[in-house]
Amino acid sequence: MSPYTVILETTEPFGPEVQVMQEKAEDAGAAALRALHQWHNAQFNPNVEIQELEDGSVRVLAVLKGHSEVALTRNPSQELV
């Protein structure tokens, strides 16, 4: 298993946000699937497709190999912080 950084775009519970999650998985697709299960507070099921978990509340923007830390983000007023 390798480390991955999964970037999700979420719309709940506070409006549009970007969530950065760290996952260990066999590949990028499995990392995205694990992050989506975590977002939905669901038990991991490898037989579920990513598209089944991407709904109006969340979608995958990117999966990066390795661990990354957030260094710069936008706050609700659109300023970089």
C-alpha atoms as a PDB file:
ATOM      1  CA  MET A   1       0.000   0.000   0.000  1.00  0.00           C
ATOM      2  CA  SER A   2       1.185   3.487  -0.843  1.00  0.00           C
ATOM      3  CA  PRO A   3       0.267   6.897   0.597  1.00  0.00           C
ATOM      4  CA  TYR A   4      -2.022   9.143  -1.453  1.00  0.00           C
ATOM      5  CA  THR A   5      -3.465  12.611  -0.961  1.00  0.00           C
ATOM      6  CA  VAL A   6      -7.088  12.848  -2.089  1.00  0.00           C
ATOM      7  CA  ILE A   7      -8.596  16.264  -2.819  1.00  0.00           C
ATOM      8  CA  LEU A   8     -12.381  16.397  -2.570  1.00  0.00           C
ATOM      9  CA  GLU A   9     -14.784  19.195  -3.467  1.00  0.00           C
ATOM     10  CA  THR A  10     -17.623  19.247  -0.950  1.00  0.00           C
ATOM     11  CA  THR A  11     -20.792  21.296  -0.699  1.00  0.00           C
ATOM     12  CA  GLU A  12     -22.049  20.244   2.727  1.00  0.00           C
ATOM     13  CA  PRO A  13     -22.427  21.123   5.539  1.00  0.00           C
ATOM     14  CA  PHE A  14     -21.002  24.657   5.169  1.00  0.00           C
ATOM     15  CA  GLY A  15     -21.178  25.333   1.440  1.00  0.00           C
ATOM     16  CA  PRO A  16     -18.415  24.792  -1.148  1.00  0.00           C
ATOM     17  CA  GLU A  17     -15.124  23.634   0.377  1.00  0.00           C
ATOM     18  CA  VAL A  18     -12.067  21.650  -0.599  1.00  0.00           C
ATOM     19  CA  GLN A  19     -11.158  18.758   1.694  1.00  0.00           C
ATOM     20  CA  VAL A  20      -7.690  17.186   1.687  1.00  0.00           C
ATOM     21  CA  MET A  21      -7.543  13.610   2.948  1.00  0.00           C
ATOM     22  CA  GLN A  22      -4.616  11.242   3.426  1.00  0.00           C
ATOM     23  CA  GLU A  23      -5.201   7.586   2.474  1.00  0.00           C
ATOM     24  CA  LYS A  24      -3.094   4.446   2.133  1.00  0.00           C
ATOM     25  CA  ALA A  25      -4.212   2.279  -0.760  1.00  0.00           C
ATOM     26  CA  GLU A  26      -3.125  -0.033  -3.559  1.00  0.00           C
ATOM     27  CA  ASP A  27      -3.675   2.642  -6.241  1.00  0.00           C
ATOM     28  CA  ALA A  28      -5.141   6.106  -6.808  1.00  0.00           C
ATOM     29  CA  GLY A  29      -8.641   4.788  -7.528  1.00  0.00           C
ATOM     30  CA  ALA A  30      -8.726   2.812  -4.289  1.00  0.00           C
ATOM     31  CA  ALA A  31      -7.500   5.899  -2.397  1.00  0.00           C
ATOM     32  CA  ALA A  32     -10.326   7.992  -3.875  1.00  0.00           C
ATOM     33  CA  LEU A  33     -12.835   5.276  -2.984  1.00  0.00           C
ATOM     34  CA  ARG A  34     -11.559   5.132   0.609  1.00  0.00           C
ATOM     35  CA  ALA A  35     -11.771   8.921   0.969  1.00  0.00           C
ATOM     36  CA  LEU A  36     -15.333   8.970  -0.375  1.00  0.00           C
ATOM     37  CA  HIS A  37     -16.383   6.227   2.042  1.00  0.00           C
ATOM     38  CA  GLN A  38     -14.806   8.209   4.874  1.00  0.00           C
ATOM     39  CA  TRP A  39     -16.639  11.376   3.773  1.00  0.00           C
ATOM     40  CA  HIS A  40     -19.972   9.513   3.797  1.00  0.00           C
ATOM     41  CA  ASN A  41     -19.136   7.834   7.147  1.00  0.00           C
ATOM     42  CA  ALA A  42     -19.667   4.481   5.457  1.00  0.00           C
ATOM     43  CA  GLN A  43     -17.868   1.197   5.973  1.00  0.00           C
ATOM     44  CA  PHE A  44     -15.362   0.631   3.156  1.00  0.00           C
ATOM     45  CA  ASN A  45     -16.750  -1.542   0.360  1.00  0.00           C
ATOM     46  CA  PRO A  46     -14.349  -2.160  -2.557  1.00  0.00           C
ATOM     47  CA  ASN A  47     -17.250  -3.288  -4.764  1.00  0.00           C
ATOM     48  CA  VAL A  48     -18.795   0.197  -4.861  1.00  0.00           C
ATOM     49  CA  GLU A  49     -17.866   2.453  -7.796  1.00  0.00           C
ATOM     50  CA  ILE A  50     -16.483   5.964  -7.245  1.00  0.00           C
ATOM     51  CA  GLN A  51     -19.361   7.400  -9.304  1.00  0.00           C
ATOM     52  CA  GLU A  52     -21.877   5.837  -6.904  1.00  0.00           C
ATOM     53  CA  LEU A  53     -20.418   7.841  -4.011  1.00  0.00           C
ATOM     54  CA  GLU A  54     -19.968  11.113  -5.894  1.00  0.00           C
ATOM     55  CA  ASP A  55     -23.238  12.893  -5.333  1.00  0.00           C
ATOM     56  CA  GLY A  56     -24.388  16.453  -4.811  1.00  0.00           C
ATOM     57  CA  SER A  57     -22.331  16.673  -1.611  1.00  0.00           C
ATOM     58  CA  VAL A  58     -18.895  15.516  -2.765  1.00  0.00           C
ATOM     59  CA  ARG A  59     -16.722  14.731  -5.793  1.00  0.00           C
ATOM     60  CA  VAL A  60     -13.062  13.860  -6.343  1.00  0.00           C
ATOM     61  CA  LEU A  61     -10.952  16.707  -7.759  1.00  0.00           C
ATOM     62  CA  ALA A  62      -7.557  14.989  -7.717  1.00  0.00           C
ATOM     63  CA  VAL A  63      -5.516  12.158  -6.229  1.00  0.00           C
ATOM     64  CA  LEU A  64      -1.810  12.819  -5.685  1.00  0.00           C
ATOM     65  CA  LYS A  65       0.720  10.092  -4.996  1.00  0.00           C
ATOM     66  CA  GLY A  66       2.398  10.621  -1.626  1.00  0.00           C
ATOM     67  CA  HIS A  67       1.448  12.781   1.324  1.00  0.00           C
ATOM     68  CA  SER A  68       0.902  16.493   0.787  1.00  0.00           C
ATOM     69  CA  GLU A  69       0.065  19.188   3.280  1.00  0.00           C
ATOM     70  CA  VAL A  70      -2.164  22.178   2.625  1.00  0.00           C
ATOM     71  CA  ALA A  71       0.010  25.271   2.424  1.00  0.00           C
ATOM     72  CA  LEU A  72      -2.416  27.793   0.939  1.00  0.00           C
ATOM     73  CA  THR A  73      -6.213  27.856   0.787  1.00  0.00           C
ATOM     74  CA  ARG A  74      -9.051  30.275   0.105  1.00  0.00           C
ATOM     75  CA  ASN A  75     -11.308  31.406   2.892  1.00  0.00           C
ATOM     76  CA  PRO A  76     -15.031  32.113   2.282  1.00  0.00           C
ATOM     77  CA  SER A  77     -14.252  35.709   1.227  1.00  0.00           C
ATOM     78  CA  GLN A  78     -12.058  34.250  -1.567  1.00  0.00           C
ATOM     79  CA  GLU A  79      -8.825  35.577  -0.035  1.00  0.00           C
ATOM     80  CA  LEU A  80      -5.798  33.326   0.008  1.00  0.00           C
ATOM     81  CA  VAL A  81      -4.724  32.451   3.541  1.00  0.00           C
END
